[in-house]
Protein backbone atom coordinates (compact mmCIF):
# COMPACT_ATOMS: atom_id res chain seq x y z
CA UNK A 1 -106.34 -88.34 -57.64
CA UNK A 2 -108.83 -85.34 -57.43
CA UNK A 3 -108.77 -85.66 -53.39
CA UNK A 4 -104.77 -85.73 -53.49
CA UNK A 5 -104.92 -82.44 -55.67
CA UNK A 6 -107.69 -80.91 -53.21
CA UNK A 7 -105.46 -81.89 -50.12
CA UNK A 8 -102.26 -79.88 -51.79
CA UNK A 9 -104.52 -77.08 -52.63
CA UNK A 10 -105.28 -76.96 -48.87
CA UNK A 11 -101.96 -77.17 -47.50
CA UNK A 12 -100.54 -74.41 -49.94
CA UNK A 13 -103.56 -72.46 -48.82
CA UNK A 14 -102.78 -72.90 -45.26
CA UNK A 15 -99.04 -72.34 -45.90
CA UNK A 16 -99.66 -68.98 -47.67
CA UNK A 17 -101.93 -67.77 -45.07
CA UNK A 18 -99.33 -68.51 -42.38
CA UNK A 19 -96.52 -66.60 -44.77
CA UNK A 20 -98.67 -63.84 -45.13
CA UNK A 21 -99.52 -63.55 -41.23
CA UNK A 22 -95.88 -63.74 -40.40
CA UNK A 23 -95.08 -60.89 -42.61
CA UNK A 24 -98.03 -58.92 -41.39
CA UNK A 25 -97.68 -59.82 -37.53
CA UNK A 26 -95.68 -56.88 -35.56
CA UNK A 27 -93.19 -58.08 -33.26
CA UNK A 28 -92.83 -56.09 -30.12
CA UNK A 29 -89.59 -54.29 -29.82
CA UNK A 30 -86.88 -55.29 -27.51
CA UNK A 31 -83.27 -54.54 -26.83
CA UNK A 32 -80.93 -57.49 -25.24
CA UNK A 33 -78.31 -56.82 -22.54
CA UNK A 34 -76.73 -58.34 -19.68
CA UNK A 35 -77.60 -58.17 -15.74
CA UNK A 36 -75.03 -55.94 -13.83
CA UNK A 37 -74.67 -55.49 -10.19
CA UNK A 38 -72.63 -52.93 -7.82
CA UNK A 39 -69.06 -54.17 -7.40
CA UNK A 40 -67.62 -53.08 -4.24
CA UNK A 41 -64.01 -53.45 -4.07
CA UNK A 42 -62.55 -53.14 -0.40
CA UNK A 43 -59.10 -52.49 0.55
CA UNK A 44 -57.27 -50.60 3.24
CA UNK A 45 -55.57 -47.19 3.30
CA UNK A 46 -52.69 -48.55 5.56
CA UNK A 47 -52.14 -51.87 4.21
CA UNK A 48 -49.99 -54.64 5.86
CA UNK A 49 -49.67 -58.17 6.55
CA UNK A 50 -52.74 -60.21 6.44
CA UNK A 51 -53.56 -61.63 9.95
CA UNK A 52 -57.02 -63.40 9.55
CA UNK A 53 -59.37 -63.90 6.48
CA UNK A 54 -62.84 -64.46 7.92
CA UNK A 55 -64.69 -64.76 4.88
CA UNK A 56 -65.03 -66.97 1.60
CA UNK A 57 -66.13 -66.34 -2.03
CA UNK A 58 -69.72 -66.64 -2.12
CA UNK A 59 -70.50 -65.92 1.40
CA UNK A 60 -73.54 -63.72 2.38
CA UNK A 61 -72.03 -61.12 4.75
CA UNK A 62 -73.80 -58.64 6.88
CA UNK A 63 -73.07 -54.87 6.94
CA UNK A 64 -70.09 -54.40 9.47
CA UNK A 65 -69.13 -58.03 9.42
CA UNK A 66 -65.03 -58.10 9.70
CA UNK A 67 -64.01 -59.74 6.35
CA UNK A 68 -60.09 -59.62 6.66
CA UNK A 69 -57.89 -58.45 9.49
CA UNK A 70 -54.62 -56.92 9.09
CA UNK A 71 -51.83 -57.00 11.60
CA UNK A 72 -51.10 -53.66 13.51
CA UNK A 73 -47.46 -53.63 13.39
CA UNK A 74 -46.47 -50.72 15.69
CA UNK A 75 -49.66 -48.71 15.59
CA UNK A 76 -50.74 -49.62 19.16
CA UNK A 77 -47.42 -48.57 20.23
CA UNK A 78 -47.62 -45.26 18.06
CA UNK A 79 -51.03 -44.51 19.82
CA UNK A 80 -49.97 -45.06 23.19
CA UNK A 81 -47.11 -42.59 22.37
CA UNK A 82 -49.65 -40.02 20.88
CA UNK A 83 -52.27 -40.12 23.93
CA UNK A 84 -49.25 -39.58 26.27
CA UNK A 85 -48.23 -36.52 24.34
CA UNK A 86 -52.00 -35.68 24.07
CA UNK A 87 -52.18 -36.11 28.05
CA UNK A 88 -49.25 -33.85 28.55
CA UNK A 89 -50.31 -31.08 26.54
CA UNK A 90 -53.85 -31.01 27.89
CA UNK A 91 -52.22 -31.05 31.58
CA UNK A 92 -50.30 -27.71 30.52
CA UNK A 93 -53.19 -26.10 28.94
CA UNK A 94 -54.91 -27.00 32.37
CA UNK A 95 -52.07 -25.36 34.05
CA UNK A 96 -52.17 -22.30 32.10
CA UNK A 97 -56.05 -21.79 32.14
CA UNK A 98 -55.91 -22.30 36.10
CA UNK A 99 -53.12 -19.51 36.51
CA UNK A 100 -50.90 -19.55 39.38
CA UNK A 101 -51.74 -21.28 42.63
CA UNK A 102 -52.51 -19.10 45.72
CA UNK A 103 -49.49 -20.00 47.64
CA UNK A 104 -47.05 -18.98 44.76
CA UNK A 105 -49.03 -15.56 44.48
CA UNK A 106 -49.05 -15.05 48.58
CA UNK A 107 -44.82 -15.91 48.17
CA UNK A 108 -44.80 -13.35 45.64
CA UNK A 109 -46.53 -10.72 47.75
CA UNK A 110 -44.25 -11.61 50.79
CA UNK A 111 -41.19 -11.10 48.82
CA UNK A 112 -42.75 -7.78 47.56
CA UNK A 113 -43.32 -6.79 51.31
CA UNK A 114 -39.90 -7.64 52.37
CA UNK A 115 -37.98 -5.87 49.59
CA UNK A 116 -40.39 -2.67 50.11
CA UNK A 117 -39.59 -2.68 53.88
CA UNK A 118 -35.45 -2.89 53.25
CA UNK A 119 -35.90 -0.16 50.70
CA UNK A 120 -37.73 2.15 53.08
CA UNK A 121 -35.36 1.42 55.83
CA UNK A 122 -32.39 2.25 53.56
CA UNK A 123 -34.33 5.64 52.64
CA UNK A 124 -34.84 6.58 56.06
CA UNK A 125 -31.24 5.82 57.08
CA UNK A 126 -29.95 5.00 60.61
CA UNK A 127 -31.95 5.94 63.63
CA UNK A 128 -30.83 8.69 65.85
CA UNK A 129 -30.54 5.98 68.66
CA UNK A 130 -28.13 4.30 66.60
CA UNK A 131 -26.05 7.34 66.04
CA UNK A 132 -26.11 8.02 69.64
CA UNK A 133 -24.95 4.66 70.47
CA UNK A 134 -22.25 4.72 68.07
CA UNK A 135 -20.93 7.99 69.55
CA UNK A 136 -21.06 6.68 73.15
CA UNK A 137 -18.95 3.64 71.60
CA UNK A 138 -16.55 5.81 70.20
CA UNK A 139 -16.25 7.75 73.46
CA UNK A 140 -15.58 4.54 75.17
CA UNK A 141 -12.82 3.58 72.76
CA UNK A 142 -11.18 6.74 72.93
CA UNK A 143 -11.19 6.59 77.05
CA UNK A 144 -9.69 3.01 76.32
CA UNK A 145 -7.30 4.19 73.97
CA UNK A 146 -6.30 7.16 76.18
CA UNK A 147 -5.44 4.59 79.22
CA UNK A 148 -3.69 2.41 76.94
CA UNK A 149 -1.45 5.19 75.64
CA UNK A 150 -0.91 6.11 79.35
CA UNK A 151 0.09 2.52 80.69
CA UNK A 152 2.40 2.28 77.26
CA UNK A 153 4.32 5.25 78.25
CA UNK A 154 4.66 4.53 81.68
CA UNK A 155 5.63 0.80 80.90
CA UNK A 156 8.26 1.82 78.44
CA UNK A 157 9.90 4.23 80.82
CA UNK A 158 10.28 1.15 83.33
CA UNK A 159 11.34 -0.87 80.74
CA UNK A 160 14.06 1.32 79.31
CA UNK A 161 15.29 1.96 82.92
CA UNK A 162 15.72 -2.04 83.10
CA UNK A 163 13.34 -2.38 85.74
CA UNK A 164 10.58 -3.82 83.89
CA UNK A 165 10.36 -7.36 81.70
CA UNK A 166 9.97 -7.61 78.18
CA UNK A 167 7.02 -9.58 78.48
CA UNK A 168 5.03 -6.91 80.43
CA UNK A 169 6.15 -4.56 77.74
CA UNK A 170 4.93 -6.68 75.05
CA UNK A 171 1.61 -7.00 76.71
CA UNK A 172 0.86 -3.12 76.84
CA UNK A 173 2.02 -2.70 73.57
CA UNK A 174 -0.61 -5.12 72.27
CA UNK A 175 -3.15 -3.52 74.41
CA UNK A 176 -2.44 -0.21 73.03
CA UNK A 177 -2.77 -1.53 69.38
CA UNK A 178 -5.85 -3.01 70.00
CA UNK A 179 -7.42 0.04 71.69
CA UNK A 180 -6.09 1.99 68.40
CA UNK A 181 -7.78 -0.24 66.23
CA UNK A 182 -11.04 -0.21 67.91
CA UNK A 183 -11.15 3.45 68.31
CA UNK A 184 -10.67 3.54 64.59
CA UNK A 185 -13.35 1.20 63.69
CA UNK A 186 -15.94 3.07 66.22
CA UNK A 187 -15.08 6.43 64.62
CA UNK A 188 -15.65 4.89 60.94
CA UNK A 189 -18.73 3.31 62.27
CA UNK A 190 -20.22 6.72 63.60
CA UNK A 191 -19.14 8.47 60.11
CA UNK A 192 -21.13 5.97 58.36
CA UNK A 193 -24.20 6.13 60.39
CA UNK A 194 -24.08 10.04 60.44
CA UNK A 195 -23.50 10.16 56.32
CA UNK A 196 -26.66 7.82 55.75
CA UNK A 197 -27.45 5.26 53.07
CA UNK A 198 -25.69 5.38 49.86
CA UNK A 199 -27.73 6.02 46.90
CA UNK A 200 -26.28 3.10 45.00
CA UNK A 201 -27.84 0.92 47.76
CA UNK A 202 -31.00 2.52 47.51
CA UNK A 203 -31.10 2.16 43.78
CA UNK A 204 -30.40 -1.55 43.87
CA UNK A 205 -32.95 -1.82 46.45
CA UNK A 206 -35.59 -0.04 44.21
CA UNK A 207 -34.68 -2.37 41.32
CA UNK A 208 -34.90 -5.35 43.50
CA UNK A 209 -38.39 -4.00 44.53
CA UNK A 210 -39.51 -3.40 40.92
CA UNK A 211 -38.72 -7.02 39.77
CA UNK A 212 -40.52 -8.57 42.76
CA UNK A 213 -43.72 -6.50 42.19
CA UNK A 214 -43.67 -7.52 38.44
CA UNK A 215 -43.30 -10.82 39.51
CA UNK A 216 -46.34 -10.59 41.83
CA UNK A 217 -48.55 -8.86 39.35
CA UNK A 218 -47.55 -11.45 36.60
CA UNK A 219 -48.66 -14.37 39.08
CA UNK A 220 -51.78 -12.39 39.97
CA UNK A 221 -52.91 -11.59 36.19
CA UNK A 222 -51.99 -15.29 35.23
CA UNK A 223 -50.59 -16.75 31.87
CA UNK A 224 -51.15 -14.66 28.95
CA UNK A 225 -53.64 -15.27 26.48
CA UNK A 226 -51.30 -16.08 23.80
CA UNK A 227 -49.65 -18.80 26.06
CA UNK A 228 -53.06 -20.17 26.22
CA UNK A 229 -53.92 -19.96 22.68
CA UNK A 230 -50.77 -21.78 22.06
CA UNK A 231 -51.59 -24.55 24.46
CA UNK A 232 -54.76 -25.27 23.18
CA UNK A 233 -53.25 -25.43 19.59
CA UNK A 234 -50.82 -28.11 20.83
CA UNK A 235 -53.66 -29.96 22.43
CA UNK A 236 -55.53 -29.83 19.20
CA UNK A 237 -52.51 -30.89 17.34
CA UNK A 238 -52.07 -34.16 19.71
CA UNK A 239 -55.58 -34.88 19.67
CA UNK A 240 -55.84 -34.74 15.53
CA UNK A 241 -52.69 -37.01 15.63
CA UNK A 242 -54.42 -39.57 18.12
CA UNK A 243 -57.43 -39.59 15.87
CA UNK A 244 -55.46 -40.33 12.64
CA UNK A 245 -53.60 -43.10 14.31
CA UNK A 246 -56.89 -44.29 15.65
CA UNK A 247 -58.47 -44.16 12.02
CA UNK A 248 -55.48 -46.15 10.85
CA UNK A 249 -55.92 -48.80 13.20
CA UNK A 250 -59.68 -48.85 12.40
CA UNK A 251 -58.28 -49.57 8.90
CA UNK A 252 -56.91 -52.92 9.79
CA UNK A 253 -60.59 -54.36 9.93
CA UNK A 254 -61.64 -54.73 6.34
CA UNK A 255 -65.81 -54.67 7.14
CA UNK A 256 -68.71 -55.06 4.64
CA UNK A 257 -70.17 -51.65 4.04
CA UNK A 258 -73.61 -53.17 3.51
CA UNK A 259 -75.29 -56.72 3.20
CA UNK A 260 -73.37 -58.13 0.23
CA UNK A 261 -72.11 -61.41 -1.24
CA UNK A 262 -68.18 -62.18 -1.30
CA UNK A 263 -67.77 -62.16 -5.36
CA UNK A 264 -63.65 -62.68 -5.22
CA UNK A 265 -61.44 -63.11 -2.08
CA UNK A 266 -57.96 -64.80 -2.80
CA UNK A 267 -56.15 -63.73 0.47
CA UNK A 268 -54.29 -65.84 2.75
CA UNK A 269 -52.72 -65.25 6.51
CA UNK A 270 -49.31 -63.81 6.05
CA UNK A 271 -49.90 -62.17 2.79
CA UNK A 272 -48.47 -58.24 2.26
CA UNK A 273 -51.15 -56.01 1.02
CA UNK A 274 -50.00 -52.71 -0.11
CA UNK A 275 -52.03 -49.42 0.86
CA UNK A 276 -55.10 -48.47 -1.39
CA UNK A 277 -54.92 -51.71 -2.93
CA UNK A 278 -58.17 -53.73 -3.51
CA UNK A 279 -58.24 -56.90 -1.45
CA UNK A 280 -61.67 -58.41 -2.23
CA UNK A 281 -64.97 -57.49 -4.24
CA UNK A 282 -68.42 -57.84 -2.91
CA UNK A 283 -71.66 -57.50 -4.95
CA UNK A 284 -74.61 -55.75 -3.52
CA UNK A 285 -77.68 -58.01 -4.69
CA UNK A 286 -80.20 -55.41 -3.74
CA UNK A 287 -78.84 -53.25 -6.64
CA UNK A 288 -79.27 -54.82 -9.98
CA UNK A 289 -79.74 -53.37 -13.46
CA UNK A 290 -79.71 -54.21 -17.25
CA UNK A 291 -77.15 -52.46 -19.48
CA UNK A 292 -78.75 -52.42 -23.07
CA UNK A 293 -78.56 -50.01 -25.75
CA UNK A 294 -81.54 -48.43 -27.88
CA UNK A 295 -81.21 -47.61 -31.48
CA UNK A 296 -81.48 -44.13 -32.21
CA UNK A 297 -84.88 -44.03 -34.00
CA UNK A 298 -86.36 -45.95 -30.86
CA UNK A 299 -85.28 -43.20 -28.44
CA UNK A 300 -88.72 -42.30 -27.41
CA UNK A 301 -87.97 -43.43 -23.75
CA UNK A 302 -87.63 -41.29 -20.78
CA UNK A 303 -86.26 -41.65 -17.35
CA UNK A 304 -88.58 -43.19 -14.70
CA UNK A 305 -90.38 -45.28 -17.50
CA UNK A 306 -91.42 -48.74 -16.26
CA UNK A 307 -90.50 -51.76 -18.51
CA UNK A 308 -90.70 -55.54 -18.37
CA UNK A 309 -87.60 -57.46 -18.77
CA UNK A 310 -87.50 -61.24 -19.21
CA UNK A 311 -84.36 -63.71 -18.97
CA UNK A 312 -84.25 -67.19 -20.34
CA UNK A 313 -84.06 -68.94 -16.95
CA UNK A 314 -87.57 -67.88 -15.94
CA UNK A 315 -90.80 -67.84 -17.79
CA UNK A 316 -92.06 -64.64 -16.09
CA UNK A 317 -91.49 -60.92 -16.48
CA UNK A 318 -89.57 -58.86 -14.14
CA UNK A 319 -90.23 -54.86 -13.50
CA UNK A 320 -87.69 -52.49 -14.40
CA UNK A 321 -87.17 -48.86 -14.42
CA UNK A 322 -85.22 -46.61 -16.64
CA UNK A 323 -82.56 -44.77 -14.30
CA UNK A 324 -79.98 -43.63 -16.82
CA UNK A 325 -79.84 -42.68 -20.61
CA UNK A 326 -76.57 -41.64 -22.24
CA UNK A 327 -76.38 -38.27 -23.52
CA UNK A 328 -73.86 -39.16 -26.38
CA UNK A 329 -74.42 -41.72 -28.83
CA UNK A 330 -72.01 -44.76 -29.73
CA UNK A 331 -71.78 -47.53 -32.16
CA UNK A 332 -73.37 -50.69 -31.52
CA UNK A 333 -71.20 -53.06 -29.47
CA UNK A 334 -70.57 -56.37 -30.65
CA UNK A 335 -72.47 -58.08 -27.63
CA UNK A 336 -75.48 -56.00 -28.33
CA UNK A 337 -78.48 -57.88 -30.18
CA UNK A 338 -81.16 -55.59 -31.78
CA UNK A 339 -83.80 -56.90 -33.94
CA UNK A 340 -83.03 -54.10 -36.70
CA UNK A 341 -80.61 -51.21 -37.64
CA UNK A 342 -77.57 -52.97 -36.05
CA UNK A 343 -75.15 -50.89 -37.69
CA UNK A 344 -76.55 -47.38 -36.53
CA UNK A 345 -75.59 -45.55 -33.56
CA UNK A 346 -77.02 -46.49 -30.16
CA UNK A 347 -77.58 -45.03 -26.98
CA UNK A 348 -76.84 -46.83 -23.67
CA UNK A 349 -79.38 -47.08 -20.95
CA UNK A 350 -79.66 -48.49 -17.65
CA UNK A 351 -82.67 -50.34 -16.52
CA UNK A 352 -82.81 -50.86 -12.79
CA UNK A 353 -84.73 -54.19 -11.74
CA UNK A 354 -87.59 -53.52 -9.13
CA UNK A 355 -88.30 -57.12 -8.27
CA UNK A 356 -86.65 -60.59 -8.81
CA UNK A 357 -83.63 -59.49 -7.13
CA UNK A 358 -83.63 -62.84 -5.00
CA UNK A 359 -83.93 -64.74 -8.45
CA UNK A 360 -81.61 -63.12 -10.81
CA UNK A 361 -77.79 -63.05 -11.00
CA UNK A 362 -75.37 -60.90 -12.43
CA UNK A 363 -74.20 -61.93 -15.73
CA UNK A 364 -77.49 -63.05 -16.79
CA UNK A 365 -78.71 -62.34 -20.41
CA UNK A 366 -81.84 -60.33 -20.32
CA UNK A 367 -84.11 -58.79 -22.75
CA UNK A 368 -85.76 -55.11 -22.06
CA UNK A 369 -89.12 -54.83 -23.90
CA UNK A 370 -89.50 -51.36 -25.15
CA UNK A 371 -92.92 -52.21 -26.64
CA UNK A 372 -95.30 -54.46 -24.63
CA UNK A 373 -95.60 -58.21 -25.86
CA UNK A 374 -98.48 -59.46 -27.44
CA UNK A 375 -99.32 -56.16 -29.81
């Protein structure tokens, strides 16, 4: 009986000691949260019909890898038309910058010389030799007129006496009229030559020469700076249009911006996607962090501080670094578990994982130890 009492006493002593130790033992402070990853939602700014789906959920994709390809519709034709317009505007700019061809300038110079010579001829008027020749022709025409008048008078008298024929009288009459007309023409010609060129003709020749000279100067000077600037602006606009269409064509291929894992992808060829809408989601496995909430009375932490992190799946610690501390407090979320003061306000922190990224996964529950374990 006494041995039983002694055993009970030992058990009570052991239990009391354990109870006292548990009450006196200090458990290191930790906060719980979940591992999160950076989501990359990919889409296209142009949208369109799905032509090919080249990835599946769970695939590890490389940077630049094409994941989804859209049908081009009429973008290729738009690009061809835009490039043709660019070439046309560039050709016009090249023409303006090069100026007129040497043949065109020489042609304008020849026109100036020709009109200048004509003006000089009009200003100088007829030469003396021309006037003398006209006087001689008038004198000859006068002699022919006198002869024709004498023949007409003689033939008329013969005809009136009945000795001549009607045919012969008509012939000398025609010769008289022809001589009279020729004499008038020669007299008028001489009068014009003596009077010289009219002032209206000289003025007209001067105006024609001025126009030709301006055209010649214009071709020598080339095109105006304003015209070249306008052509350059047109080329720039056409080039920008080509670049914009090429960018839209580039948007037909949805590529991975970095090495990542395909998280969500529910597309089939033939599906229509609107512009700027997410088509698939990637997760960057190189960027994992724990979202946790720290009570206000344990906010003696700082950015850059290294903290250990544990998860239920592995019996080891992983290194983390505090990269964000919220400036504003908030009430404790329902999914946050802290050993104490759950009803008080907390501050959200972000602890970026420095290792274990090949083992840990987004969505895992994790504990962030604010104090070292084993104290």
